[in-house]
């Protein structure tokens, strides 16, 4: 069974814009926080090495599903699962939802992350330990793993 990485997000009153809902740009920050925490967990659990030292965001696509209002919900969750694991990249599915397994989905994102060798300025393959760790998050039947 696949594991989903769930990252809690605590909304701030200042996340809302003049339209009275959480500003669309905040969703990029929420999912960035979830990606960084998830990758930090990978480094901690695999001991670092190839594919865990430099990871860049290559692309991001977001579909907004519902408005979020601070007065209605002070918390959200970002759920990370993998759609595809390549030799040096991952296609990460990130769902922003209200808390709980049945929480309303408010945004659905697809991000592509690339393992990157900054010294040589090019992509670098994932190490064996990192690939094994990442494969746990490939989408199939999904069970939750809190942050």
C-alpha atoms as a PDB file:
ATOM      1  CA  UNK A   1       0.000   0.000   0.000  1.00  0.00           C
ATOM      2  CA  UNK A   2       1.187   3.510  -0.841  1.00  0.00           C
ATOM      3  CA  UNK A   3       1.891   6.105   1.806  1.00  0.00           C
ATOM      4  CA  UNK A   4       0.751   9.721   1.488  1.00  0.00           C
ATOM      5  CA  UNK A   5       2.762  12.435   3.198  1.00  0.00           C
ATOM      6  CA  UNK A   6       0.379  14.838   4.951  1.00  0.00           C
ATOM      7  CA  UNK A   7       1.644  18.264   5.939  1.00  0.00           C
ATOM      8  CA  UNK A   8      -0.499  20.490   8.200  1.00  0.00           C
ATOM      9  CA  UNK A   9      -0.917  24.156   7.289  1.00  0.00           C
ATOM     10  CA  UNK A  10      -1.965  26.743   9.867  1.00  0.00           C
ATOM     11  CA  UNK A  11      -3.669  29.656   8.153  1.00  0.00           C
ATOM     12  CA  UNK A  12      -2.966  33.226   9.182  1.00  0.00           C
ATOM     13  CA  UNK A  13      -5.461  36.043   9.056  1.00  0.00           C
ATOM     14  CA  UNK A  14      -3.036  37.870   6.748  1.00  0.00           C
ATOM     15  CA  UNK A  15      -3.330  35.038   4.175  1.00  0.00           C
ATOM     16  CA  UNK A  16      -6.644  36.529   3.040  1.00  0.00           C
ATOM     17  CA  UNK A  17      -6.809  39.194   0.372  1.00  0.00           C
ATOM     18  CA  UNK A  18      -9.237  42.076  -0.033  1.00  0.00           C
ATOM     19  CA  UNK A  19     -11.778  39.671  -1.545  1.00  0.00           C
ATOM     20  CA  UNK A  20     -12.082  37.924   1.817  1.00  0.00           C
ATOM     21  CA  UNK A  21     -10.585  34.577   0.806  1.00  0.00           C
ATOM     22  CA  UNK A  22      -7.104  33.086   1.024  1.00  0.00           C
ATOM     23  CA  UNK A  23      -5.063  34.633  -1.785  1.00  0.00           C
ATOM     24  CA  UNK A  24      -4.204  32.287  -4.646  1.00  0.00           C
ATOM     25  CA  UNK A  25      -0.457  32.880  -4.219  1.00  0.00           C
ATOM     26  CA  UNK A  26      -0.574  31.465  -0.679  1.00  0.00           C
ATOM     27  CA  UNK A  27      -1.277  28.002  -2.094  1.00  0.00           C
ATOM     28  CA  UNK A  28       2.151  28.043  -3.734  1.00  0.00           C
ATOM     29  CA  UNK A  29       3.706  28.796  -0.335  1.00  0.00           C
ATOM     30  CA  UNK A  30       1.671  26.077   1.399  1.00  0.00           C
ATOM     31  CA  UNK A  31       2.711  23.436  -1.123  1.00  0.00           C
ATOM     32  CA  UNK A  32       6.328  24.643  -1.090  1.00  0.00           C
ATOM     33  CA  UNK A  33       6.362  24.168   2.706  1.00  0.00           C
ATOM     34  CA  UNK A  34       5.008  20.629   2.225  1.00  0.00           C
ATOM     35  CA  UNK A  35       7.610  19.798  -0.441  1.00  0.00           C
ATOM     36  CA  UNK A  36      10.498  21.094   1.668  1.00  0.00           C
ATOM     37  CA  UNK A  37       9.341  19.166   4.744  1.00  0.00           C
ATOM     38  CA  UNK A  38       8.845  15.997   2.655  1.00  0.00           C
ATOM     39  CA  UNK A  39      12.296  16.295   1.067  1.00  0.00           C
ATOM     40  CA  UNK A  40      13.818  16.989   4.481  1.00  0.00           C
ATOM     41  CA  UNK A  41      12.253  13.780   5.726  1.00  0.00           C
ATOM     42  CA  UNK A  42      13.776  11.943   2.747  1.00  0.00           C
ATOM     43  CA  UNK A  43      17.242  13.284   3.608  1.00  0.00           C
ATOM     44  CA  UNK A  44      16.819  12.348   7.272  1.00  0.00           C
ATOM     45  CA  UNK A  45      15.532   8.837   6.545  1.00  0.00           C
ATOM     46  CA  UNK A  46      17.962   7.964   3.741  1.00  0.00           C
ATOM     47  CA  UNK A  47      21.086   9.574   5.176  1.00  0.00           C
ATOM     48  CA  UNK A  48      21.513  11.971   2.279  1.00  0.00           C
ATOM     49  CA  UNK A  49      23.610  11.080  -0.727  1.00  0.00           C
ATOM     50  CA  UNK A  50      22.883  11.233  -4.467  1.00  0.00           C
ATOM     51  CA  UNK A  51      19.528  12.732  -5.317  1.00  0.00           C
ATOM     52  CA  UNK A  52      18.914  14.349  -1.955  1.00  0.00           C
ATOM     53  CA  UNK A  53      21.316  17.278  -1.881  1.00  0.00           C
ATOM     54  CA  UNK A  54      19.827  19.485  -4.576  1.00  0.00           C
ATOM     55  CA  UNK A  55      16.256  19.364  -5.812  1.00  0.00           C
ATOM     56  CA  UNK A  56      14.732  22.043  -8.018  1.00  0.00           C
ATOM     57  CA  UNK A  57      11.163  22.813  -8.983  1.00  0.00           C
ATOM     58  CA  UNK A  58      10.891  22.377 -12.755  1.00  0.00           C
ATOM     59  CA  UNK A  59       7.161  23.016 -13.164  1.00  0.00           C
ATOM     60  CA  UNK A  60       3.973  23.606 -11.251  1.00  0.00           C
ATOM     61  CA  UNK A  61       0.339  23.426 -12.358  1.00  0.00           C
ATOM     62  CA  UNK A  62      -2.488  24.380  -9.988  1.00  0.00           C
ATOM     63  CA  UNK A  63      -6.246  23.984 -10.292  1.00  0.00           C
ATOM     64  CA  UNK A  64      -8.243  25.832  -7.669  1.00  0.00           C
ATOM     65  CA  UNK A  65     -11.351  23.935  -6.570  1.00  0.00           C
ATOM     66  CA  UNK A  66     -12.885  26.076  -3.790  1.00  0.00           C
ATOM     67  CA  UNK A  67     -12.375  29.288  -1.885  1.00  0.00           C
ATOM     68  CA  UNK A  68     -10.915  29.167   1.621  1.00  0.00           C
ATOM     69  CA  UNK A  69     -11.880  31.682   4.292  1.00  0.00           C
ATOM     70  CA  UNK A  70      -9.858  32.133   7.467  1.00  0.00           C
ATOM     71  CA  UNK A  71     -13.037  32.521   9.556  1.00  0.00           C
ATOM     72  CA  UNK A  72     -14.332  29.125   8.353  1.00  0.00           C
ATOM     73  CA  UNK A  73     -11.167  27.044   8.585  1.00  0.00           C
ATOM     74  CA  UNK A  74      -7.933  27.907  10.327  1.00  0.00           C
ATOM     75  CA  UNK A  75      -6.163  24.789   9.063  1.00  0.00           C
ATOM     76  CA  UNK A  76      -5.542  22.962   5.819  1.00  0.00           C
ATOM     77  CA  UNK A  77      -3.531  19.889   4.841  1.00  0.00           C
ATOM     78  CA  UNK A  78      -1.256  19.317   1.879  1.00  0.00           C
ATOM     79  CA  UNK A  79      -1.198  15.670   0.776  1.00  0.00           C
ATOM     80  CA  UNK A  80       1.866  14.607  -1.243  1.00  0.00           C
ATOM     81  CA  UNK A  81       1.891  11.475  -3.420  1.00  0.00           C
ATOM     82  CA  UNK A  82       3.953  10.557  -6.487  1.00  0.00           C
ATOM     83  CA  UNK A  83       2.462  10.148  -9.920  1.00  0.00           C
ATOM     84  CA  UNK A  84       5.739   9.228 -11.594  1.00  0.00           C
ATOM     85  CA  UNK A  85       9.297   8.473 -10.533  1.00  0.00           C
ATOM     86  CA  UNK A  86      11.907   9.085 -13.221  1.00  0.00           C
ATOM     87  CA  UNK A  87      15.660   8.570 -13.185  1.00  0.00           C
ATOM     88  CA  UNK A  88      16.249  12.126 -11.926  1.00  0.00           C
ATOM     89  CA  UNK A  89      12.758  13.584 -11.519  1.00  0.00           C
ATOM     90  CA  UNK A  90       9.429  13.036  -9.820  1.00  0.00           C
ATOM     91  CA  UNK A  91       5.944  14.148 -10.737  1.00  0.00           C
ATOM     92  CA  UNK A  92       4.442  15.044  -7.393  1.00  0.00           C
ATOM     93  CA  UNK A  93       0.677  15.239  -6.867  1.00  0.00           C
ATOM     94  CA  UNK A  94      -0.172  17.738  -4.141  1.00  0.00           C
ATOM     95  CA  UNK A  95      -3.734  18.094  -2.897  1.00  0.00           C
ATOM     96  CA  UNK A  96      -4.654  20.972  -0.599  1.00  0.00           C
ATOM     97  CA  UNK A  97      -7.695  20.064   1.451  1.00  0.00           C
ATOM     98  CA  UNK A  98      -9.577  20.770   4.628  1.00  0.00           C
ATOM     99  CA  UNK A  99      -8.294  18.513   7.438  1.00  0.00           C
ATOM    100  CA  UNK A 100      -9.230  14.821   7.469  1.00  0.00           C
ATOM    101  CA  UNK A 101      -9.413  12.009   4.952  1.00  0.00           C
ATOM    102  CA  UNK A 102     -12.793  13.305   3.761  1.00  0.00           C
ATOM    103  CA  UNK A 103     -11.741  16.963   3.786  1.00  0.00           C
ATOM    104  CA  UNK A 104     -12.908  19.073   0.859  1.00  0.00           C
ATOM    105  CA  UNK A 105     -10.222  19.504  -1.796  1.00  0.00           C
ATOM    106  CA  UNK A 106      -9.577  23.215  -2.339  1.00  0.00           C
ATOM    107  CA  UNK A 107      -6.625  22.976  -4.764  1.00  0.00           C
ATOM    108  CA  UNK A 108      -5.024  20.230  -6.851  1.00  0.00           C
ATOM    109  CA  UNK A 109      -1.414  20.634  -8.012  1.00  0.00           C
ATOM    110  CA  UNK A 110       1.040  18.723 -10.152  1.00  0.00           C
ATOM    111  CA  UNK A 111       4.680  19.650  -9.600  1.00  0.00           C
ATOM    112  CA  UNK A 112       7.789  18.264 -11.231  1.00  0.00           C
ATOM    113  CA  UNK A 113      10.900  18.129  -9.069  1.00  0.00           C
ATOM    114  CA  UNK A 114      14.344  17.345 -10.456  1.00  0.00           C
ATOM    115  CA  UNK A 115      17.359  16.044  -8.581  1.00  0.00           C
ATOM    116  CA  UNK A 116      20.010  18.623  -9.448  1.00  0.00           C
ATOM    117  CA  UNK A 117      23.788  18.756  -9.295  1.00  0.00           C
ATOM    118  CA  UNK A 118      24.532  22.434  -8.681  1.00  0.00           C
ATOM    119  CA  UNK A 119      28.291  22.008  -9.138  1.00  0.00           C
ATOM    120  CA  UNK A 120      27.812  20.714 -12.695  1.00  0.00           C
ATOM    121  CA  UNK A 121      24.629  22.623 -13.477  1.00  0.00           C
ATOM    122  CA  UNK A 122      22.555  19.636 -14.611  1.00  0.00           C
ATOM    123  CA  UNK A 123      20.152  16.977 -13.409  1.00  0.00           C
ATOM    124  CA  UNK A 124      21.509  14.070 -11.393  1.00  0.00           C
ATOM    125  CA  UNK A 125      19.999  10.599 -10.934  1.00  0.00           C
ATOM    126  CA  UNK A 126      18.345   9.643  -7.665  1.00  0.00           C
ATOM    127  CA  UNK A 127      20.449   7.364  -5.476  1.00  0.00           C
ATOM    128  CA  UNK A 128      19.208   3.837  -4.727  1.00  0.00           C
ATOM    129  CA  UNK A 129      18.154   4.751  -1.163  1.00  0.00           C
ATOM    130  CA  UNK A 130      16.274   7.810  -2.379  1.00  0.00           C
ATOM    131  CA  UNK A 131      14.486   5.836  -5.135  1.00  0.00           C
ATOM    132  CA  UNK A 132      13.422   3.196  -2.625  1.00  0.00           C
ATOM    133  CA  UNK A 133      12.146   5.884  -0.246  1.00  0.00           C
ATOM    134  CA  UNK A 134      10.308   7.783  -3.003  1.00  0.00           C
ATOM    135  CA  UNK A 135       8.589   4.638  -4.317  1.00  0.00           C
ATOM    136  CA  UNK A 136       6.607   4.384  -1.056  1.00  0.00           C
ATOM    137  CA  UNK A 137       4.683   7.480  -2.142  1.00  0.00           C
ATOM    138  CA  UNK A 138       3.686   6.322  -5.652  1.00  0.00           C
ATOM    139  CA  UNK A 139      -0.073   6.651  -6.132  1.00  0.00           C
ATOM    140  CA  UNK A 140      -2.070   3.446  -5.876  1.00  0.00           C
ATOM    141  CA  UNK A 141      -4.216   2.675  -2.889  1.00  0.00           C
ATOM    142  CA  UNK A 142      -3.128   5.358  -0.421  1.00  0.00           C
ATOM    143  CA  UNK A 143      -2.831   5.310   3.358  1.00  0.00           C
ATOM    144  CA  UNK A 144      -2.037   8.428   5.385  1.00  0.00           C
ATOM    145  CA  UNK A 145       1.317   9.282   6.970  1.00  0.00           C
ATOM    146  CA  UNK A 146       1.207  12.474   9.042  1.00  0.00           C
ATOM    147  CA  UNK A 147       4.061  14.971   8.874  1.00  0.00           C
END
